[in-house]
Amino acid sequence: LRLKKNTNINIVIEEEVFLCNIKEINEDNIVCEILEKKSAVKKPEININLYQGLAKGSKMDLIVQKCTELGISEIIPIVTNRVIVKIDKNKFKNRKERYERIALEAAKQSKRKNIPIISDLLDFKDINKEMLEDSINLIAYENKEFESLKLKELLRDINHKNINIFIGPEGGWEDYEVDYLKSLGVYEISLGPRILRTETAPIMLTSILQYELGDIG
Protein backbone atom coordinates (compact mmCIF):
# COMPACT_ATOMS: atom_id res chain seq x y z
CA LEU A 1 0.00 0.00 0.00
CA ARG A 2 1.51 3.34 -1.09
CA LEU A 3 0.47 6.20 1.16
CA LYS A 4 0.68 9.83 0.08
CA LYS A 5 0.68 13.18 1.85
CA ASN A 6 -2.74 14.64 2.66
CA THR A 7 -4.38 11.20 2.46
CA ASN A 8 -6.94 10.43 5.17
CA ILE A 9 -6.57 7.06 6.88
CA ASN A 10 -8.10 5.22 9.83
CA ILE A 11 -5.68 4.35 12.63
CA VAL A 12 -6.42 2.05 15.57
CA ILE A 13 -4.72 3.19 18.81
CA GLU A 14 -5.31 1.15 21.96
CA GLU A 15 -8.61 -0.21 20.63
CA GLU A 16 -9.86 3.26 19.59
CA VAL A 17 -10.33 4.26 15.93
CA PHE A 18 -9.18 7.70 14.71
CA LEU A 19 -9.52 9.43 11.35
CA CYS A 20 -6.10 10.92 10.58
CA ASN A 21 -4.49 12.95 7.82
CA ILE A 22 -0.95 12.18 6.65
CA LYS A 23 1.25 15.28 7.04
CA GLU A 24 4.74 13.89 6.44
CA ILE A 25 6.20 10.64 5.13
CA ASN A 26 9.79 9.89 6.13
CA GLU A 27 11.95 6.79 5.71
CA ASP A 28 11.36 5.64 9.27
CA ASN A 29 7.98 7.06 10.18
CA ILE A 30 4.78 8.75 9.10
CA VAL A 31 3.51 11.91 10.81
CA CYS A 32 -0.28 12.18 11.03
CA GLU A 33 -2.77 14.67 12.40
CA ILE A 34 -5.79 13.29 14.22
CA LEU A 35 -8.94 14.76 12.68
CA GLU A 36 -11.57 12.98 14.73
CA LYS A 37 -12.27 9.98 16.91
CA LYS A 38 -14.53 7.52 15.15
CA SER A 39 -17.08 5.14 16.59
CA ALA A 40 -15.72 1.62 16.82
CA VAL A 41 -17.97 -1.40 16.55
CA LYS A 42 -19.55 -1.89 19.96
CA LYS A 43 -19.09 -5.08 21.90
CA PRO A 44 -22.17 -7.31 21.49
CA GLU A 45 -24.51 -7.59 24.47
CA ILE A 46 -24.33 -11.38 24.21
CA ASN A 47 -20.95 -13.12 24.01
CA ILE A 48 -20.58 -15.90 21.45
CA ASN A 49 -17.80 -18.29 22.43
CA LEU A 50 -16.46 -20.89 19.99
CA TYR A 51 -15.27 -24.30 21.18
CA GLN A 52 -13.50 -25.39 18.00
CA GLY A 53 -12.06 -28.82 17.30
CA LEU A 54 -8.44 -28.00 16.44
CA ALA A 55 -8.11 -27.80 12.65
CA LYS A 56 -5.04 -28.07 10.45
CA GLY A 57 -2.85 -25.07 9.61
CA SER A 58 -4.53 -22.46 7.46
CA LYS A 59 -8.02 -23.76 8.27
CA MET A 60 -7.65 -22.69 11.89
CA ASP A 61 -6.18 -19.37 10.77
CA LEU A 62 -9.27 -18.78 8.61
CA ILE A 63 -11.61 -19.67 11.47
CA VAL A 64 -9.89 -17.21 13.81
CA GLN A 65 -9.86 -14.44 11.20
CA LYS A 66 -13.45 -14.70 10.00
CA CYS A 67 -15.01 -15.38 13.40
CA THR A 68 -13.19 -12.32 14.76
CA GLU A 69 -14.66 -10.24 11.94
CA LEU A 70 -18.11 -11.61 12.81
CA GLY A 71 -17.84 -10.62 16.47
CA ILE A 72 -16.91 -13.82 18.31
CA SER A 73 -15.85 -13.17 21.92
CA GLU A 74 -13.61 -16.14 22.68
CA ILE A 75 -12.13 -19.05 20.75
CA ILE A 76 -11.30 -22.20 22.70
CA PRO A 77 -9.38 -24.77 20.61
CA ILE A 78 -10.26 -28.28 21.78
CA VAL A 79 -8.65 -31.69 21.22
CA THR A 80 -11.27 -34.29 20.36
CA ASN A 81 -10.79 -37.91 19.34
CA ARG A 82 -10.81 -37.18 15.61
CA VAL A 83 -8.52 -34.15 15.65
CA ILE A 84 -5.90 -34.67 12.93
CA VAL A 85 -3.36 -32.23 14.39
CA LYS A 86 -1.40 -33.79 17.23
CA ILE A 87 0.32 -31.09 19.25
CA ASP A 88 1.65 -30.86 22.78
CA LYS A 89 0.07 -28.20 24.99
CA ASN A 90 3.48 -26.63 25.60
CA LYS A 91 4.19 -26.43 21.85
CA PHE A 92 0.77 -24.88 21.28
CA LYS A 93 2.11 -21.61 22.72
CA ASN A 94 3.63 -20.46 19.39
CA ARG A 95 0.48 -21.38 17.51
CA LYS A 96 -1.64 -19.50 20.04
CA GLU A 97 0.51 -16.39 19.56
CA ARG A 98 -0.08 -16.61 15.81
CA TYR A 99 -3.83 -16.89 16.33
CA GLU A 100 -3.69 -13.83 18.59
CA ARG A 101 -1.90 -11.84 15.87
CA ILE A 102 -4.51 -12.92 13.32
CA ALA A 103 -7.32 -11.93 15.69
CA LEU A 104 -5.70 -8.54 16.33
CA GLU A 105 -5.39 -7.76 12.62
CA ALA A 106 -8.94 -8.95 11.92
CA ALA A 107 -10.27 -6.82 14.77
CA LYS A 108 -8.49 -3.75 13.37
CA GLN A 109 -9.79 -4.43 9.87
CA SER A 110 -13.38 -4.82 11.10
CA LYS A 111 -13.05 -1.85 13.49
CA ARG A 112 -13.76 -3.95 16.55
CA LYS A 113 -12.92 -2.22 19.79
CA ASN A 114 -12.42 -5.49 21.65
CA ILE A 115 -10.20 -8.37 20.55
CA PRO A 116 -11.43 -11.94 21.08
CA ILE A 117 -9.67 -14.09 23.63
CA ILE A 118 -7.70 -17.05 22.27
CA SER A 119 -7.69 -19.66 25.01
CA ASP A 120 -5.16 -22.38 25.74
CA LEU A 121 -5.65 -25.79 24.17
CA LEU A 122 -8.40 -27.73 25.98
CA ASP A 123 -8.77 -31.51 26.12
CA PHE A 124 -12.31 -32.63 25.40
CA LYS A 125 -12.36 -34.70 28.60
CA ASP A 126 -11.75 -31.54 30.64
CA ILE A 127 -14.97 -29.85 29.51
CA ASN A 128 -17.31 -29.72 32.49
CA LYS A 129 -20.70 -28.39 33.51
CA GLU A 130 -19.27 -25.40 35.39
CA MET A 131 -17.76 -24.03 32.15
CA LEU A 132 -21.17 -23.97 30.53
CA GLU A 133 -23.29 -22.51 33.33
CA ASP A 134 -25.53 -19.51 32.66
CA SER A 135 -25.15 -20.00 28.91
CA ILE A 136 -27.00 -21.37 25.92
CA ASN A 137 -24.83 -24.21 24.62
CA LEU A 138 -25.07 -25.53 21.06
CA ILE A 139 -23.32 -28.34 19.21
CA ALA A 140 -23.47 -28.54 15.42
CA TYR A 141 -23.84 -32.21 14.50
CA GLU A 142 -24.19 -33.56 10.98
CA ASN A 143 -26.32 -36.53 12.06
CA LYS A 144 -29.02 -34.32 13.55
CA GLU A 145 -32.25 -34.14 11.60
CA PHE A 146 -32.76 -30.65 10.21
CA GLU A 147 -35.18 -28.65 12.35
CA SER A 148 -35.34 -25.13 10.95
CA LEU A 149 -37.23 -23.65 13.90
CA LYS A 150 -35.16 -25.15 16.68
CA LEU A 151 -32.48 -22.44 16.80
CA LYS A 152 -35.09 -19.67 16.73
CA GLU A 153 -36.87 -21.34 19.63
CA LEU A 154 -33.66 -21.61 21.66
CA LEU A 155 -32.87 -17.93 21.16
CA ARG A 156 -36.39 -16.70 21.85
CA ASP A 157 -36.58 -14.66 25.06
CA ILE A 158 -32.88 -15.27 25.68
CA ASN A 159 -31.81 -14.23 29.17
CA HIS A 160 -28.21 -15.43 29.11
CA LYS A 161 -25.08 -13.38 28.46
CA ASN A 162 -23.20 -16.20 26.73
CA ILE A 163 -23.76 -18.57 23.83
CA ASN A 164 -21.22 -21.38 23.56
CA ILE A 165 -21.00 -23.17 20.21
CA PHE A 166 -19.21 -26.48 19.66
CA ILE A 167 -17.79 -27.32 16.22
CA GLY A 168 -16.02 -30.60 15.48
CA PRO A 169 -12.66 -31.00 13.68
CA GLU A 170 -12.13 -32.29 10.11
CA GLY A 171 -13.19 -35.80 11.10
CA GLY A 172 -16.34 -34.65 12.88
CA TRP A 173 -17.66 -35.73 16.28
CA GLU A 174 -17.70 -39.17 17.85
CA ASP A 175 -21.19 -40.19 18.98
CA TYR A 176 -19.99 -40.53 22.57
CA GLU A 177 -18.64 -36.96 22.50
CA VAL A 178 -22.02 -35.65 21.39
CA ASP A 179 -23.76 -37.72 24.07
CA TYR A 180 -21.40 -36.38 26.74
CA LEU A 181 -22.00 -32.75 25.75
CA LYS A 182 -25.74 -33.36 25.69
CA SER A 183 -25.47 -34.71 29.24
CA LEU A 184 -24.00 -31.32 30.21
CA GLY A 185 -27.02 -29.51 28.79
CA VAL A 186 -25.69 -28.78 25.30
CA TYR A 187 -28.40 -28.59 22.61
CA GLU A 188 -27.82 -30.56 19.44
CA ILE A 189 -28.59 -28.55 16.28
CA SER A 190 -28.26 -28.99 12.52
CA LEU A 191 -26.81 -26.51 10.05
CA GLY A 192 -28.90 -27.96 7.23
CA PRO A 193 -28.83 -30.95 4.90
CA ARG A 194 -25.31 -30.30 3.58
CA ILE A 195 -22.13 -31.44 5.32
CA LEU A 196 -19.97 -28.39 6.00
CA ARG A 197 -16.21 -28.22 6.40
CA THR A 198 -14.88 -27.52 9.87
CA GLU A 199 -13.75 -24.05 8.74
CA THR A 200 -17.15 -23.26 7.18
CA ALA A 201 -19.41 -24.38 10.03
CA PRO A 202 -18.34 -21.84 12.71
CA ILE A 203 -18.52 -18.96 10.23
CA MET A 204 -22.01 -19.98 9.16
CA LEU A 205 -23.30 -20.58 12.70
CA THR A 206 -21.83 -17.33 14.04
CA SER A 207 -23.44 -15.44 11.15
CA ILE A 208 -26.83 -17.05 11.84
CA LEU A 209 -26.60 -16.26 15.55
CA GLN A 210 -25.62 -12.64 14.94
CA TYR A 211 -28.54 -12.27 12.53
CA GLU A 212 -31.02 -13.79 14.97
CA LEU A 213 -29.66 -11.63 17.80
CA GLY A 214 -30.05 -8.49 15.70
CA ASP A 215 -26.33 -7.77 15.24
CA ILE A 216 -26.64 -8.24 11.46
CA GLY A 217 -29.43 -6.79 9.35
C-alpha atoms as a PDB file:
ATOM      1  CA  LEU A   1       0.000   0.000   0.000  1.00  0.00           C
ATOM      2  CA  ARG A   2       1.514   3.345  -1.090  1.00  0.00           C
ATOM      3  CA  LEU A   3       0.472   6.201   1.165  1.00  0.00           C
ATOM      4  CA  LYS A   4       0.678   9.830   0.078  1.00  0.00           C
ATOM      5  CA  LYS A   5       0.675  13.180   1.852  1.00  0.00           C
ATOM      6  CA  ASN A   6      -2.744  14.636   2.660  1.00  0.00           C
ATOM      7  CA  THR A   7      -4.379  11.200   2.459  1.00  0.00           C
ATOM      8  CA  ASN A   8      -6.936  10.429   5.166  1.00  0.00           C
ATOM      9  CA  ILE A   9      -6.565   7.059   6.877  1.00  0.00           C
ATOM     10  CA  ASN A  10      -8.097   5.220   9.826  1.00  0.00           C
ATOM     11  CA  ILE A  11      -5.684   4.348  12.635  1.00  0.00           C
ATOM     12  CA  VAL A  12      -6.423   2.048  15.574  1.00  0.00           C
ATOM     13  CA  ILE A  13      -4.721   3.187  18.809  1.00  0.00           C
ATOM     14  CA  GLU A  14      -5.312   1.152  21.964  1.00  0.00           C
ATOM     15  CA  GLU A  15      -8.608  -0.208  20.631  1.00  0.00           C
ATOM     16  CA  GLU A  16      -9.856   3.260  19.590  1.00  0.00           C
ATOM     17  CA  VAL A  17     -10.328   4.261  15.928  1.00  0.00           C
ATOM     18  CA  PHE A  18      -9.182   7.700  14.712  1.00  0.00           C
ATOM     19  CA  LEU A  19      -9.518   9.432  11.350  1.00  0.00           C
ATOM     20  CA  CYS A  20      -6.098  10.919  10.581  1.00  0.00           C
ATOM     21  CA  ASN A  21      -4.492  12.953   7.815  1.00  0.00           C
ATOM     22  CA  ILE A  22      -0.948  12.176   6.650  1.00  0.00           C
ATOM     23  CA  LYS A  23       1.245  15.275   7.043  1.00  0.00           C
ATOM     24  CA  GLU A  24       4.735  13.890   6.441  1.00  0.00           C
ATOM     25  CA  ILE A  25       6.202  10.639   5.135  1.00  0.00           C
ATOM     26  CA  ASN A  26       9.793   9.893   6.126  1.00  0.00           C
ATOM     27  CA  GLU A  27      11.950   6.790   5.711  1.00  0.00           C
ATOM     28  CA  ASP A  28      11.364   5.638   9.269  1.00  0.00           C
ATOM     29  CA  ASN A  29       7.975   7.064  10.176  1.00  0.00           C
ATOM     30  CA  ILE A  30       4.778   8.753   9.098  1.00  0.00           C
ATOM     31  CA  VAL A  31       3.505  11.912  10.815  1.00  0.00           C
ATOM     32  CA  CYS A  32      -0.280  12.175  11.035  1.00  0.00           C
ATOM     33  CA  GLU A  33      -2.771  14.674  12.397  1.00  0.00           C
ATOM     34  CA  ILE A  34      -5.792  13.286  14.220  1.00  0.00           C
ATOM     35  CA  LEU A  35      -8.940  14.758  12.678  1.00  0.00           C
ATOM     36  CA  GLU A  36     -11.569  12.977  14.731  1.00  0.00           C
ATOM     37  CA  LYS A  37     -12.272   9.982  16.907  1.00  0.00           C
ATOM     38  CA  LYS A  38     -14.534   7.524  15.145  1.00  0.00           C
ATOM     39  CA  SER A  39     -17.079   5.143  16.586  1.00  0.00           C
ATOM     40  CA  ALA A  40     -15.722   1.620  16.820  1.00  0.00           C
ATOM     41  CA  VAL A  41     -17.974  -1.395  16.555  1.00  0.00           C
ATOM     42  CA  LYS A  42     -19.554  -1.888  19.957  1.00  0.00           C
ATOM     43  CA  LYS A  43     -19.088  -5.085  21.902  1.00  0.00           C
ATOM     44  CA  PRO A  44     -22.170  -7.306  21.486  1.00  0.00           C
ATOM     45  CA  GLU A  45     -24.510  -7.589  24.467  1.00  0.00           C
ATOM     46  CA  ILE A  46     -24.332 -11.382  24.207  1.00  0.00           C
ATOM     47  CA  ASN A  47     -20.955 -13.117  24.005  1.00  0.00           C
ATOM     48  CA  ILE A  48     -20.576 -15.901  21.452  1.00  0.00           C
ATOM     49  CA  ASN A  49     -17.797 -18.292  22.426  1.00  0.00           C
ATOM     50  CA  LEU A  50     -16.456 -20.888  19.986  1.00  0.00           C
ATOM     51  CA  TYR A  51     -15.265 -24.297  21.178  1.00  0.00           C
ATOM     52  CA  GLN A  52     -13.503 -25.391  18.000  1.00  0.00           C
ATOM     53  CA  GLY A  53     -12.057 -28.823  17.299  1.00  0.00           C
ATOM     54  CA  LEU A  54      -8.438 -28.005  16.435  1.00  0.00           C
ATOM     55  CA  ALA A  55      -8.111 -27.805  12.649  1.00  0.00           C
ATOM     56  CA  LYS A  56      -5.040 -28.074  10.445  1.00  0.00           C
ATOM     57  CA  GLY A  57      -2.848 -25.065   9.610  1.00  0.00           C
ATOM     58  CA  SER A  58      -4.527 -22.465   7.456  1.00  0.00           C
ATOM     59  CA  LYS A  59      -8.017 -23.758   8.268  1.00  0.00           C
ATOM     60  CA  MET A  60      -7.648 -22.692  11.889  1.00  0.00           C
ATOM     61  CA  ASP A  61      -6.183 -19.368  10.767  1.00  0.00           C
ATOM     62  CA  LEU A  62      -9.269 -18.777   8.613  1.00  0.00           C
ATOM     63  CA  ILE A  63     -11.614 -19.670  11.474  1.00  0.00           C
ATOM     64  CA  VAL A  64      -9.887 -17.205  13.814  1.00  0.00           C
ATOM     65  CA  GLN A  65      -9.857 -14.435  11.204  1.00  0.00           C
ATOM     66  CA  LYS A  66     -13.448 -14.705  10.002  1.00  0.00           C
ATOM     67  CA  CYS A  67     -15.014 -15.376  13.398  1.00  0.00           C
ATOM     68  CA  THR A  68     -13.190 -12.324  14.758  1.00  0.00           C
ATOM     69  CA  GLU A  69     -14.662 -10.235  11.938  1.00  0.00           C
ATOM     70  CA  LEU A  70     -18.108 -11.610  12.808  1.00  0.00           C
ATOM     71  CA  GLY A  71     -17.836 -10.618  16.474  1.00  0.00           C
ATOM     72  CA  ILE A  72     -16.911 -13.821  18.309  1.00  0.00           C
ATOM     73  CA  SER A  73     -15.848 -13.168  21.923  1.00  0.00           C
ATOM     74  CA  GLU A  74     -13.606 -16.142  22.679  1.00  0.00           C
ATOM     75  CA  ILE A  75     -12.128 -19.053  20.747  1.00  0.00           C
ATOM     76  CA  ILE A  76     -11.301 -22.201  22.702  1.00  0.00           C
ATOM     77  CA  PRO A  77      -9.381 -24.767  20.609  1.00  0.00           C
ATOM     78  CA  ILE A  78     -10.260 -28.285  21.775  1.00  0.00           C
ATOM     79  CA  VAL A  79      -8.653 -31.686  21.219  1.00  0.00           C
ATOM     80  CA  THR A  80     -11.272 -34.292  20.356  1.00  0.00           C
ATOM     81  CA  ASN A  81     -10.793 -37.908  19.342  1.00  0.00           C
ATOM     82  CA  ARG A  82     -10.810 -37.185  15.608  1.00  0.00           C
ATOM     83  CA  VAL A  83      -8.516 -34.155  15.653  1.00  0.00           C
ATOM     84  CA  ILE A  84      -5.905 -34.672  12.931  1.00  0.00           C
ATOM     85  CA  VAL A  85      -3.362 -32.233  14.395  1.00  0.00           C
ATOM     86  CA  LYS A  86      -1.395 -33.795  17.230  1.00  0.00           C
ATOM     87  CA  ILE A  87       0.320 -31.091  19.251  1.00  0.00           C
ATOM     88  CA  ASP A  88       1.645 -30.864  22.779  1.00  0.00           C
ATOM     89  CA  LYS A  89       0.073 -28.203  24.986  1.00  0.00           C
ATOM     90  CA  ASN A  90       3.479 -26.633  25.595  1.00  0.00           C
ATOM     91  CA  LYS A  91       4.193 -26.433  21.850  1.00  0.00           C
ATOM     92  CA  PHE A  92       0.773 -24.884  21.284  1.00  0.00           C
ATOM     93  CA  LYS A  93       2.108 -21.610  22.722  1.00  0.00           C
ATOM     94  CA  ASN A  94       3.625 -20.463  19.391  1.00  0.00           C
ATOM     95  CA  ARG A  95       0.485 -21.379  17.512  1.00  0.00           C
ATOM     96  CA  LYS A  96      -1.639 -19.495  20.038  1.00  0.00           C
ATOM     97  CA  GLU A  97       0.514 -16.395  19.560  1.00  0.00           C
ATOM     98  CA  ARG A  98      -0.081 -16.614  15.805  1.00  0.00           C
ATOM     99  CA  TYR A  99      -3.833 -16.889  16.333  1.00  0.00           C
ATOM    100  CA  GLU A 100      -3.692 -13.829  18.594  1.00  0.00           C
ATOM    101  CA  ARG A 101      -1.903 -11.842  15.870  1.00  0.00           C
ATOM    102  CA  ILE A 102      -4.505 -12.918  13.323  1.00  0.00           C
ATOM    103  CA  ALA A 103      -7.320 -11.933  15.693  1.00  0.00           C
ATOM    104  CA  LEU A 104      -5.702  -8.538  16.335  1.00  0.00           C
ATOM    105  CA  GLU A 105      -5.387  -7.762  12.616  1.00  0.00           C
ATOM    106  CA  ALA A 106      -8.935  -8.949  11.916  1.00  0.00           C
ATOM    107  CA  ALA A 107     -10.270  -6.818  14.772  1.00  0.00           C
ATOM    108  CA  LYS A 108      -8.491  -3.750  13.373  1.00  0.00           C
ATOM    109  CA  GLN A 109      -9.793  -4.431   9.869  1.00  0.00           C
ATOM    110  CA  SER A 110     -13.378  -4.822  11.095  1.00  0.00           C
ATOM    111  CA  LYS A 111     -13.048  -1.853  13.486  1.00  0.00           C
ATOM    112  CA  ARG A 112     -13.759  -3.951  16.548  1.00  0.00           C
ATOM    113  CA  LYS A 113     -12.921  -2.222  19.788  1.00  0.00           C
ATOM    114  CA  ASN A 114     -12.419  -5.492  21.650  1.00  0.00           C
ATOM    115  CA  ILE A 115     -10.196  -8.368  20.555  1.00  0.00           C
ATOM    116  CA  PRO A 116     -11.429 -11.936  21.080  1.00  0.00           C
ATOM    117  CA  ILE A 117      -9.667 -14.091  23.635  1.00  0.00           C
ATOM    118  CA  ILE A 118      -7.697 -17.047  22.268  1.00  0.00           C
ATOM    119  CA  SER A 119      -7.689 -19.658  25.011  1.00  0.00           C
ATOM    120  CA  ASP A 120      -5.164 -22.381  25.736  1.00  0.00           C
ATOM    121  CA  LEU A 121      -5.655 -25.794  24.175  1.00  0.00           C
ATOM    122  CA  LEU A 122      -8.397 -27.733  25.977  1.00  0.00           C
ATOM    123  CA  ASP A 123      -8.771 -31.513  26.119  1.00  0.00           C
ATOM    124  CA  PHE A 124     -12.315 -32.628  25.401  1.00  0.00           C
ATOM    125  CA  LYS A 125     -12.358 -34.696  28.605  1.00  0.00           C
ATOM    126  CA  ASP A 126     -11.753 -31.536  30.641  1.00  0.00           C
ATOM    127  CA  ILE A 127     -14.973 -29.847  29.511  1.00  0.00           C
ATOM    128  CA  ASN A 128     -17.315 -29.719  32.491  1.00  0.00           C
ATOM    129  CA  LYS A 129     -20.703 -28.390  33.508  1.00  0.00           C
ATOM    130  CA  GLU A 130     -19.267 -25.396  35.387  1.00  0.00           C
ATOM    131  CA  MET A 131     -17.756 -24.029  32.153  1.00  0.00           C
ATOM    132  CA  LEU A 132     -21.168 -23.967  30.528  1.00  0.00           C
ATOM    133  CA  GLU A 133     -23.292 -22.514  33.325  1.00  0.00           C
ATOM    134  CA  ASP A 134     -25.532 -19.506  32.660  1.00  0.00           C
ATOM    135  CA  SER A 135     -25.149 -20.005  28.905  1.00  0.00           C
ATOM    136  CA  ILE A 136     -26.996 -21.373  25.923  1.00  0.00           C
ATOM    137  CA  ASN A 137     -24.833 -24.210  24.624  1.00  0.00           C
ATOM    138  CA  LEU A 138     -25.074 -25.528  21.062  1.00  0.00           C
ATOM    139  CA  ILE A 139     -23.324 -28.341  19.211  1.00  0.00           C
ATOM    140  CA  ALA A 140     -23.474 -28.545  15.421  1.00  0.00           C
ATOM    141  CA  TYR A 141     -23.843 -32.214  14.498  1.00  0.00           C
ATOM    142  CA  GLU A 142     -24.193 -33.559  10.984  1.00  0.00           C
ATOM    143  CA  ASN A 143     -26.324 -36.533  12.058  1.00  0.00           C
ATOM    144  CA  LYS A 144     -29.018 -34.319  13.552  1.00  0.00           C
ATOM    145  CA  GLU A 145     -32.254 -34.135  11.600  1.00  0.00           C
ATOM    146  CA  PHE A 146     -32.758 -30.647  10.213  1.00  0.00           C
ATOM    147  CA  GLU A 147     -35.179 -28.648  12.347  1.00  0.00           C
ATOM    148  CA  SER A 148     -35.341 -25.127  10.946  1.00  0.00           C
ATOM    149  CA  LEU A 149     -37.231 -23.651  13.896  1.00  0.00           C
ATOM    150  CA  LYS A 150     -35.159 -25.149  16.678  1.00  0.00           C
ATOM    151  CA  LEU A 151     -32.484 -22.440  16.796  1.00  0.00           C
ATOM    152  CA  LYS A 152     -35.087 -19.673  16.726  1.00  0.00           C
ATOM    153  CA  GLU A 153     -36.866 -21.339  19.634  1.00  0.00           C
ATOM    154  CA  LEU A 154     -33.660 -21.612  21.662  1.00  0.00           C
ATOM    155  CA  LEU A 155     -32.872 -17.929  21.160  1.00  0.00           C
ATOM    156  CA  ARG A 156     -36.388 -16.698  21.850  1.00  0.00           C
ATOM    157  CA  ASP A 157     -36.583 -14.659  25.062  1.00  0.00           C
ATOM    158  CA  ILE A 158     -32.882 -15.270  25.676  1.00  0.00           C
ATOM    159  CA  ASN A 159     -31.805 -14.226  29.174  1.00  0.00           C
ATOM    160  CA  HIS A 160     -28.206 -15.429  29.111  1.00  0.00           C
ATOM    161  CA  LYS A 161     -25.077 -13.379  28.457  1.00  0.00           C
ATOM    162  CA  ASN A 162     -23.204 -16.200  26.728  1.00  0.00           C
ATOM    163  CA  ILE A 163     -23.757 -18.567  23.829  1.00  0.00           C
ATOM    164  CA  ASN A 164     -21.221 -21.384  23.557  1.00  0.00           C
ATOM    165  CA  ILE A 165     -20.999 -23.170  20.208  1.00  0.00           C
ATOM    166  CA  PHE A 166     -19.208 -26.482  19.657  1.00  0.00           C
ATOM    167  CA  ILE A 167     -17.785 -27.324  16.222  1.00  0.00           C
ATOM    168  CA  GLY A 168     -16.015 -30.598  15.478  1.00  0.00           C
ATOM    169  CA  PRO A 169     -12.657 -31.004  13.677  1.00  0.00           C
ATOM    170  CA  GLU A 170     -12.125 -32.286  10.114  1.00  0.00           C
ATOM    171  CA  GLY A 171     -13.194 -35.797  11.096  1.00  0.00           C
ATOM    172  CA  GLY A 172     -16.342 -34.652  12.885  1.00  0.00           C
ATOM    173  CA  TRP A 173     -17.658 -35.734  16.275  1.00  0.00           C
ATOM    174  CA  GLU A 174     -17.699 -39.175  17.850  1.00  0.00           C
ATOM    175  CA  ASP A 175     -21.186 -40.188  18.980  1.00  0.00           C
ATOM    176  CA  TYR A 176     -19.991 -40.534  22.570  1.00  0.00           C
ATOM    177  CA  GLU A 177     -18.644 -36.961  22.501  1.00  0.00           C
ATOM    178  CA  VAL A 178     -22.019 -35.649  21.394  1.00  0.00           C
ATOM    179  CA  ASP A 179     -23.755 -37.719  24.068  1.00  0.00           C
ATOM    180  CA  TYR A 180     -21.399 -36.376  26.735  1.00  0.00           C
ATOM    181  CA  LEU A 181     -21.995 -32.753  25.749  1.00  0.00           C
ATOM    182  CA  LYS A 182     -25.743 -33.358  25.686  1.00  0.00           C
ATOM    183  CA  SER A 183     -25.472 -34.712  29.238  1.00  0.00           C
ATOM    184  CA  LEU A 184     -23.995 -31.316  30.211  1.00  0.00           C
ATOM    185  CA  GLY A 185     -27.022 -29.512  28.785  1.00  0.00           C
ATOM    186  CA  VAL A 186     -25.693 -28.785  25.300  1.00  0.00           C
ATOM    187  CA  TYR A 187     -28.397 -28.588  22.614  1.00  0.00           C
ATOM    188  CA  GLU A 188     -27.816 -30.561  19.435  1.00  0.00           C
ATOM    189  CA  ILE A 189     -28.585 -28.553  16.276  1.00  0.00           C
ATOM    190  CA  SER A 190     -28.260 -28.985  12.523  1.00  0.00           C
ATOM    191  CA  LEU A 191     -26.808 -26.514  10.047  1.00  0.00           C
ATOM    192  CA  GLY A 192     -28.898 -27.958   7.234  1.00  0.00           C
ATOM    193  CA  PRO A 193     -28.829 -30.955   4.904  1.00  0.00           C
ATOM    194  CA  ARG A 194     -25.309 -30.302   3.580  1.00  0.00           C
ATOM    195  CA  ILE A 195     -22.130 -31.444   5.315  1.00  0.00           C
ATOM    196  CA  LEU A 196     -19.973 -28.386   5.999  1.00  0.00           C
ATOM    197  CA  ARG A 197     -16.211 -28.224   6.401  1.00  0.00           C
ATOM    198  CA  THR A 198     -14.877 -27.524   9.874  1.00  0.00           C
ATOM    199  CA  GLU A 199     -13.750 -24.052   8.737  1.00  0.00           C
ATOM    200  CA  THR A 200     -17.146 -23.263   7.182  1.00  0.00           C
ATOM    201  CA  ALA A 201     -19.410 -24.377  10.034  1.00  0.00           C
ATOM    202  CA  PRO A 202     -18.340 -21.836  12.711  1.00  0.00           C
ATOM    203  CA  ILE A 203     -18.515 -18.958  10.227  1.00  0.00           C
ATOM    204  CA  MET A 204     -22.014 -19.982   9.162  1.00  0.00           C
ATOM    205  CA  LEU A 205     -23.304 -20.581  12.697  1.00  0.00           C
ATOM    206  CA  THR A 206     -21.829 -17.330  14.037  1.00  0.00           C
ATOM    207  CA  SER A 207     -23.445 -15.438  11.155  1.00  0.00           C
ATOM    208  CA  ILE A 208     -26.826 -17.050  11.839  1.00  0.00           C
ATOM    209  CA  LEU A 209     -26.598 -16.258  15.554  1.00  0.00           C
ATOM    210  CA  GLN A 210     -25.624 -12.638  14.940  1.00  0.00           C
ATOM    211  CA  TYR A 211     -28.536 -12.266  12.531  1.00  0.00           C
ATOM    212  CA  GLU A 212     -31.016 -13.794  14.967  1.00  0.00           C
ATOM    213  CA  LEU A 213     -29.658 -11.633  17.801  1.00  0.00           C
ATOM    214  CA  GLY A 214     -30.045  -8.486  15.698  1.00  0.00           C
ATOM    215  CA  ASP A 215     -26.332  -7.773  15.236  1.00  0.00           C
ATOM    216  CA  ILE A 216     -26.639  -8.239  11.459  1.00  0.00           C
ATOM    217  CA  GLY A 217     -29.428  -6.789   9.346  1.00  0.00           C
END
